[in-house]
Amino acid sequence: MPPRRRVDLASGEEALGVWRAALVEGQGFSAAGVAAVDRRTVATAVRYTLEELATRAPGRSVEVRVPPYAAVQCIEGPRHTRGTPTNVIETDPQTWLALATGALSWVEAVASGAVRASGQRADLTPHLPVV
């Protein structure tokens, strides 16, 4: 069963469009233009893209966390039921959106330390970009 959507698709696309426009305007995801996108828009875009990931890669073996906005479980395989999951990916909202849109590669993000990934299944390469 696919995860329940909490973000309206149109709202999610709109928020992601605002973020992408700031990305292009600022010529890079770490540019001040992207950082200037308001928190509510970033939160909606993050939640929308995480829901897309969970829909496209259903499962409960990997937990992807983007504090302070959201976390999802995805990718088929052994699931955890209690405590800290064995496969965890955590990153900041700007890095997640760059990964989700293809503006940043998984390898670059992990190498720079912008993504913290632990566990054998904690690799999103085959699932990126999400949109």
Protein backbone atom coordinates (compact mmCIF):
# COMPACT_ATOMS: atom_id res chain seq x y z
CA MET A 1 0.00 0.00 0.00
CA PRO A 2 1.50 3.37 -1.01
CA PRO A 3 2.00 5.96 1.70
CA ARG A 4 -0.76 8.44 2.34
CA ARG A 5 -0.11 11.83 0.80
CA ARG A 6 -0.21 14.78 3.14
CA VAL A 7 0.90 17.39 0.63
CA ASP A 8 -1.47 18.25 -2.19
CA LEU A 9 0.26 17.49 -5.51
CA ALA A 10 -0.42 20.96 -6.94
CA SER A 11 0.92 22.65 -3.79
CA GLY A 12 4.00 20.45 -3.82
CA GLU A 13 4.73 21.17 -7.48
CA GLU A 14 4.23 24.89 -6.91
CA ALA A 15 6.60 24.96 -3.92
CA LEU A 16 9.18 22.96 -5.85
CA GLY A 17 8.83 25.37 -8.76
CA VAL A 18 9.56 28.33 -6.48
CA TRP A 19 12.62 26.54 -5.11
CA ARG A 20 13.84 25.63 -8.61
CA ALA A 21 13.39 29.23 -9.80
CA ALA A 22 15.57 30.42 -6.91
CA LEU A 23 18.12 27.73 -7.81
CA VAL A 24 18.36 28.96 -11.40
CA GLU A 25 18.37 32.61 -10.33
CA GLY A 26 21.13 32.00 -7.78
CA GLN A 27 23.14 29.73 -10.13
CA GLY A 28 23.53 26.97 -7.54
CA PHE A 29 21.69 25.31 -4.69
CA SER A 30 23.86 26.89 -2.00
CA ALA A 31 23.37 30.39 -3.38
CA ALA A 32 21.67 33.08 -1.32
CA GLY A 33 18.69 33.11 -3.70
CA VAL A 34 17.74 29.57 -2.71
CA ALA A 35 18.37 30.27 0.96
CA ALA A 36 15.98 33.20 0.66
CA VAL A 37 13.00 30.94 -0.20
CA ASP A 38 10.63 31.11 2.76
CA ARG A 39 10.48 28.24 5.26
CA ARG A 40 6.89 27.30 4.48
CA THR A 41 7.69 26.86 0.77
CA VAL A 42 10.82 24.84 1.54
CA ALA A 43 8.87 22.67 4.00
CA THR A 44 6.18 21.95 1.42
CA ALA A 45 8.75 21.13 -1.27
CA VAL A 46 10.67 18.81 1.10
CA ARG A 47 7.54 16.98 2.23
CA TYR A 48 6.31 16.65 -1.34
CA THR A 49 9.58 15.20 -2.63
CA LEU A 50 9.93 12.82 0.31
CA GLU A 51 6.39 11.58 -0.34
CA GLU A 52 7.34 11.09 -4.00
CA LEU A 53 10.36 9.05 -2.93
CA ALA A 54 8.24 6.87 -0.66
CA THR A 55 5.69 6.38 -3.45
CA ARG A 56 8.31 5.46 -6.07
CA ALA A 57 10.41 3.28 -3.74
CA PRO A 58 7.88 1.74 -1.35
CA GLY A 59 9.13 -0.18 1.66
CA ARG A 60 10.36 0.30 5.19
CA SER A 61 14.02 -0.66 5.18
CA VAL A 62 15.52 2.86 4.92
CA GLU A 63 14.56 5.98 6.83
CA VAL A 64 15.25 9.30 5.11
CA ARG A 65 15.27 12.26 7.49
CA VAL A 66 15.24 15.93 6.52
CA PRO A 67 14.96 17.82 9.79
CA PRO A 68 13.06 19.80 10.84
CA TYR A 69 10.48 19.08 8.15
CA ALA A 70 9.90 15.38 7.60
CA ALA A 71 11.08 11.79 7.52
CA VAL A 72 9.90 8.83 5.47
CA GLN A 73 10.57 5.14 5.30
CA CYS A 74 11.15 3.67 1.88
CA ILE A 75 12.87 0.94 -0.17
CA GLU A 76 11.92 -2.71 0.06
CA GLY A 77 13.82 -5.03 2.34
CA PRO A 78 13.95 -5.97 5.99
CA ARG A 79 12.07 -3.41 8.01
CA HIS A 80 12.76 -2.18 11.49
CA THR A 81 10.00 -2.19 14.06
CA ARG A 82 11.47 -0.53 17.15
CA GLY A 83 14.34 1.73 18.05
CA THR A 84 16.74 3.35 15.64
CA PRO A 85 16.59 1.93 12.11
CA THR A 86 19.75 0.27 10.78
CA ASN A 87 19.59 2.18 7.49
CA VAL A 88 19.33 5.92 8.01
CA ILE A 89 19.93 8.84 5.68
CA GLU A 90 19.89 12.38 7.03
CA THR A 91 20.50 15.70 5.35
CA ASP A 92 19.44 19.35 5.42
CA PRO A 93 16.49 20.67 3.39
CA GLN A 94 18.52 22.45 0.69
CA THR A 95 20.71 19.41 0.04
CA TRP A 96 17.68 17.12 -0.07
CA LEU A 97 15.92 19.33 -2.63
CA ALA A 98 19.08 19.49 -4.73
CA LEU A 99 19.30 15.68 -4.64
CA ALA A 100 15.58 15.23 -5.33
CA THR A 101 15.72 17.49 -8.40
CA GLY A 102 19.02 16.23 -9.79
CA ALA A 103 20.90 19.47 -9.11
CA LEU A 104 23.34 17.49 -6.93
CA SER A 105 24.51 13.90 -7.24
CA TRP A 106 24.40 11.37 -4.42
CA VAL A 107 28.16 10.80 -4.64
CA GLU A 108 28.90 14.53 -4.37
CA ALA A 109 26.55 14.99 -1.43
CA VAL A 110 27.98 12.06 0.53
CA ALA A 111 31.58 13.02 -0.26
CA SER A 112 31.02 16.59 0.93
CA GLY A 113 29.47 15.41 4.18
CA ALA A 114 26.14 17.07 3.38
CA VAL A 115 24.47 13.64 3.60
CA ARG A 116 25.00 11.25 6.47
CA ALA A 117 24.15 7.69 5.49
CA SER A 118 24.50 4.57 7.60
CA GLY A 119 23.61 0.98 6.85
CA GLN A 120 24.03 -1.33 3.86
CA ARG A 121 20.86 -0.11 2.12
CA ALA A 122 21.44 3.60 2.75
CA ASP A 123 22.13 4.56 -0.85
CA LEU A 124 19.53 6.48 -2.84
CA THR A 125 21.46 6.53 -6.13
CA PRO A 126 18.96 4.33 -8.01
CA HIS A 127 16.04 6.44 -6.77
CA LEU A 128 17.38 9.92 -7.59
CA PRO A 129 16.35 12.32 -8.91
CA VAL A 130 12.85 11.96 -7.51
CA VAL A 131 11.21 14.59 -9.72
